[in-house]
């Protein structure tokens, strides 16, 4: 996926932390991670941003592929903070491939040894994508990069999860939206 991202009039960038759902699955550093859910992309109440929309994952993937380089995953959005704080922004991994699935956009990640160890040790549990979106429609246009974080804001599955039995997670698919309870 090389080159600078082009921004059109009305496009903005967003740091978009992802959040854990009530059901946590097997431990470790997954090869595939969900970057964005399809449909309305809502934040948790503490975040306060208006929801975004992901209606056409294939178009977003096409626009992202136009970058022609692997997408970096850093720690705590340091790529976006480096100019301000002067600190390095080492990669935790690289998104090598994108796929549109029924539930949104997923990325195949090649993790660094350090990040894999941190995920397995549950030092980091969440992924936070950075994307371009249209300011007027809030439609997501392109994925730019992502970060490992521990400050989730939207409702997705944690990438570093505790181990549970297969009987516990069979049939469990997604997060329960706010204000609803999940059947036991």
Protein backbone atom coordinates (compact mmCIF):
# COMPACT_ATOMS: atom_id res chain seq x y z
CA UNK A 1 0.00 0.00 0.00
CA UNK A 2 3.51 4.17 -0.85
CA UNK A 3 2.93 7.80 -1.09
CA UNK A 4 1.19 10.57 0.71
CA UNK A 5 -2.53 10.37 1.34
CA UNK A 6 -4.50 12.88 -0.66
CA UNK A 7 -7.20 14.79 1.19
CA UNK A 8 -10.16 16.23 -0.62
CA UNK A 9 -12.24 19.19 0.51
CA UNK A 10 -14.29 18.21 3.52
CA UNK A 11 -12.19 15.18 4.47
CA UNK A 12 -10.80 14.84 7.98
CA UNK A 13 -8.63 12.38 9.88
CA UNK A 14 -9.87 10.65 13.00
CA UNK A 15 -8.17 8.72 15.74
CA UNK A 16 -10.67 6.01 16.30
CA UNK A 17 -10.10 3.77 19.32
CA UNK A 18 -11.82 0.42 19.29
CA UNK A 19 -13.34 -1.18 22.36
CA UNK A 20 -13.82 -4.58 23.85
CA UNK A 21 -17.12 -6.34 23.91
CA UNK A 22 -18.40 -8.35 26.83
CA UNK A 23 -17.28 -11.64 25.32
CA UNK A 24 -13.55 -12.27 25.23
CA UNK A 25 -12.10 -15.18 23.29
CA UNK A 26 -8.71 -16.94 23.12
CA UNK A 27 -5.45 -15.28 24.19
CA UNK A 28 -2.56 -14.21 21.94
CA UNK A 29 -1.74 -11.90 19.04
CA UNK A 30 -4.29 -12.55 16.29
CA UNK A 31 -3.29 -12.65 12.63
CA UNK A 32 -6.57 -10.96 11.55
CA UNK A 33 -8.12 -8.04 13.45
CA UNK A 34 -11.29 -6.05 12.90
CA UNK A 35 -10.39 -2.46 12.08
CA UNK A 36 -13.86 -0.98 11.58
CA UNK A 37 -17.41 -2.28 11.92
CA UNK A 38 -19.90 -1.99 9.06
CA UNK A 39 -22.73 0.52 9.41
CA UNK A 40 -22.87 3.07 12.20
CA UNK A 41 -19.57 3.35 14.09
CA UNK A 42 -20.48 4.66 17.54
CA UNK A 43 -18.16 5.67 20.33
CA UNK A 44 -18.61 4.94 23.99
CA UNK A 45 -20.18 7.74 26.05
CA UNK A 46 -16.85 9.02 27.45
CA UNK A 47 -15.56 9.78 23.93
CA UNK A 48 -18.30 12.21 22.90
CA UNK A 49 -17.71 12.18 19.12
CA UNK A 50 -20.62 11.78 16.70
CA UNK A 51 -20.83 8.40 14.98
CA UNK A 52 -19.17 7.70 11.64
CA UNK A 53 -20.54 5.49 8.85
CA UNK A 54 -19.00 2.57 6.99
CA UNK A 55 -21.44 1.62 4.25
CA UNK A 56 -19.05 0.48 1.50
CA UNK A 57 -16.06 -1.42 2.96
CA UNK A 58 -14.86 -2.40 -0.53
CA UNK A 59 -14.58 1.27 -1.58
CA UNK A 60 -12.67 2.11 1.62
CA UNK A 61 -10.30 -0.80 0.98
CA UNK A 62 -9.80 0.37 -2.62
CA UNK A 63 -8.96 3.91 -1.47
CA UNK A 64 -6.63 2.51 1.20
CA UNK A 65 -4.82 0.31 -1.32
CA UNK A 66 -4.08 3.45 -3.35
CA UNK A 67 -1.54 4.29 -0.61
CA UNK A 68 0.52 1.38 -2.03
CA UNK A 69 2.25 0.41 1.22
CA UNK A 70 1.62 -1.70 4.28
CA UNK A 71 -0.23 0.26 6.96
CA UNK A 72 1.69 0.76 10.20
CA UNK A 73 0.40 -0.10 13.64
CA UNK A 74 2.23 1.89 16.32
CA UNK A 75 1.83 2.33 20.07
CA UNK A 76 -0.60 4.94 21.46
CA UNK A 77 -0.79 6.89 18.15
CA UNK A 78 2.83 7.95 18.46
CA UNK A 79 3.12 8.37 14.66
CA UNK A 80 0.65 11.25 14.98
CA UNK A 81 2.31 12.68 18.09
CA UNK A 82 6.01 12.40 17.09
CA UNK A 83 6.34 15.89 15.58
CA UNK A 84 4.92 17.40 18.78
CA UNK A 85 6.72 15.32 21.42
CA UNK A 86 9.93 14.40 19.54
CA UNK A 87 9.68 10.74 20.50
CA UNK A 88 10.19 7.85 18.04
CA UNK A 89 7.18 5.98 16.67
CA UNK A 90 8.25 2.34 16.38
CA UNK A 91 5.98 -0.10 14.60
CA UNK A 92 4.09 -2.70 16.60
CA UNK A 93 3.13 -4.38 13.35
CA UNK A 94 2.13 -3.90 9.74
CA UNK A 95 -1.28 -4.39 8.16
CA UNK A 96 -0.36 -6.48 5.12
CA UNK A 97 -3.82 -7.17 3.72
CA UNK A 98 -7.37 -5.83 4.07
CA UNK A 99 -10.61 -7.76 3.70
CA UNK A 100 -14.27 -6.74 3.64
CA UNK A 101 -16.35 -9.11 5.73
CA UNK A 102 -20.00 -9.10 6.74
CA UNK A 103 -19.16 -7.23 9.95
CA UNK A 104 -16.75 -4.64 8.48
CA UNK A 105 -13.11 -4.24 7.52
CA UNK A 106 -10.47 -6.63 8.81
CA UNK A 107 -6.69 -6.48 8.46
CA UNK A 108 -4.07 -9.24 8.39
CA UNK A 109 -1.26 -8.12 10.68
CA UNK A 110 2.42 -9.07 10.78
CA UNK A 111 3.22 -8.25 14.44
CA UNK A 112 6.71 -7.41 15.68
CA UNK A 113 8.12 -9.75 18.33
CA UNK A 114 7.79 -7.00 20.96
CA UNK A 115 4.13 -6.31 20.15
CA UNK A 116 3.30 -10.04 20.03
CA UNK A 117 4.83 -10.42 23.50
CA UNK A 118 2.94 -7.37 24.81
CA UNK A 119 -0.37 -8.69 23.42
CA UNK A 120 0.21 -12.16 24.82
CA UNK A 121 1.02 -10.57 28.18
CA UNK A 122 -2.11 -8.40 27.88
CA UNK A 123 -0.04 -5.21 28.24
CA UNK A 124 -2.09 -3.90 25.30
CA UNK A 125 -5.57 -5.14 24.45
CA UNK A 126 -7.14 -2.78 21.93
CA UNK A 127 -6.57 -1.48 18.42
CA UNK A 128 -7.34 2.11 17.41
CA UNK A 129 -7.55 2.87 13.68
CA UNK A 130 -6.84 6.27 12.13
CA UNK A 131 -8.97 7.00 9.08
CA UNK A 132 -10.12 9.74 6.72
CA UNK A 133 -13.79 10.61 6.67
CA UNK A 134 -16.08 13.15 5.04
CA UNK A 135 -16.92 15.92 7.55
CA UNK A 136 -20.43 16.45 6.23
CA UNK A 137 -21.61 12.86 5.88
CA UNK A 138 -19.18 11.27 8.42
CA UNK A 139 -18.67 8.47 5.87
CA UNK A 140 -15.31 6.73 6.33
CA UNK A 141 -13.18 7.06 3.18
CA UNK A 142 -9.77 5.47 3.87
CA UNK A 143 -7.88 3.64 6.63
CA UNK A 144 -4.51 5.33 7.23
CA UNK A 145 -2.91 3.38 10.09
CA UNK A 146 -3.72 2.03 13.56
CA UNK A 147 -2.32 1.97 17.09
CA UNK A 148 -2.23 -0.37 20.03
CA UNK A 149 -3.94 1.32 22.98
CA UNK A 150 -5.59 0.66 26.31
CA UNK A 151 -8.18 3.44 25.99
CA UNK A 152 -11.04 1.94 23.97
CA UNK A 153 -13.83 4.08 22.56
CA UNK A 154 -15.99 1.99 20.20
CA UNK A 155 -17.60 -1.40 20.46
CA UNK A 156 -15.41 -4.12 18.91
CA UNK A 157 -13.75 -7.23 20.26
CA UNK A 158 -10.51 -6.84 22.21
CA UNK A 159 -7.51 -8.19 20.30
CA UNK A 160 -5.73 -9.47 23.44
CA UNK A 161 -8.30 -11.52 25.27
CA UNK A 162 -8.50 -13.95 28.13
CA UNK A 163 -8.79 -17.66 27.48
CA UNK A 164 -12.26 -19.18 27.86
CA UNK A 165 -13.69 -22.56 27.03
CA UNK A 166 -15.21 -23.15 23.60
CA UNK A 167 -18.56 -23.82 25.25
CA UNK A 168 -18.54 -20.31 26.76
CA UNK A 169 -17.98 -18.55 23.44
CA UNK A 170 -19.94 -20.76 21.03
CA UNK A 171 -22.60 -18.57 19.46
CA UNK A 172 -21.19 -15.38 20.95
CA UNK A 173 -20.44 -13.06 18.06
CA UNK A 174 -20.36 -9.37 18.77
CA UNK A 175 -20.55 -6.78 21.47
CA UNK A 176 -23.74 -5.90 23.19
CA UNK A 177 -24.63 -2.29 22.41
CA UNK A 178 -24.82 0.16 25.30
CA UNK A 179 -28.03 0.05 27.28
CA UNK A 180 -28.66 -3.63 26.54
CA UNK A 181 -27.75 -6.69 28.49
CA UNK A 182 -26.29 -9.82 27.00
CA UNK A 183 -28.14 -13.09 27.75
CA UNK A 184 -26.22 -15.43 30.04
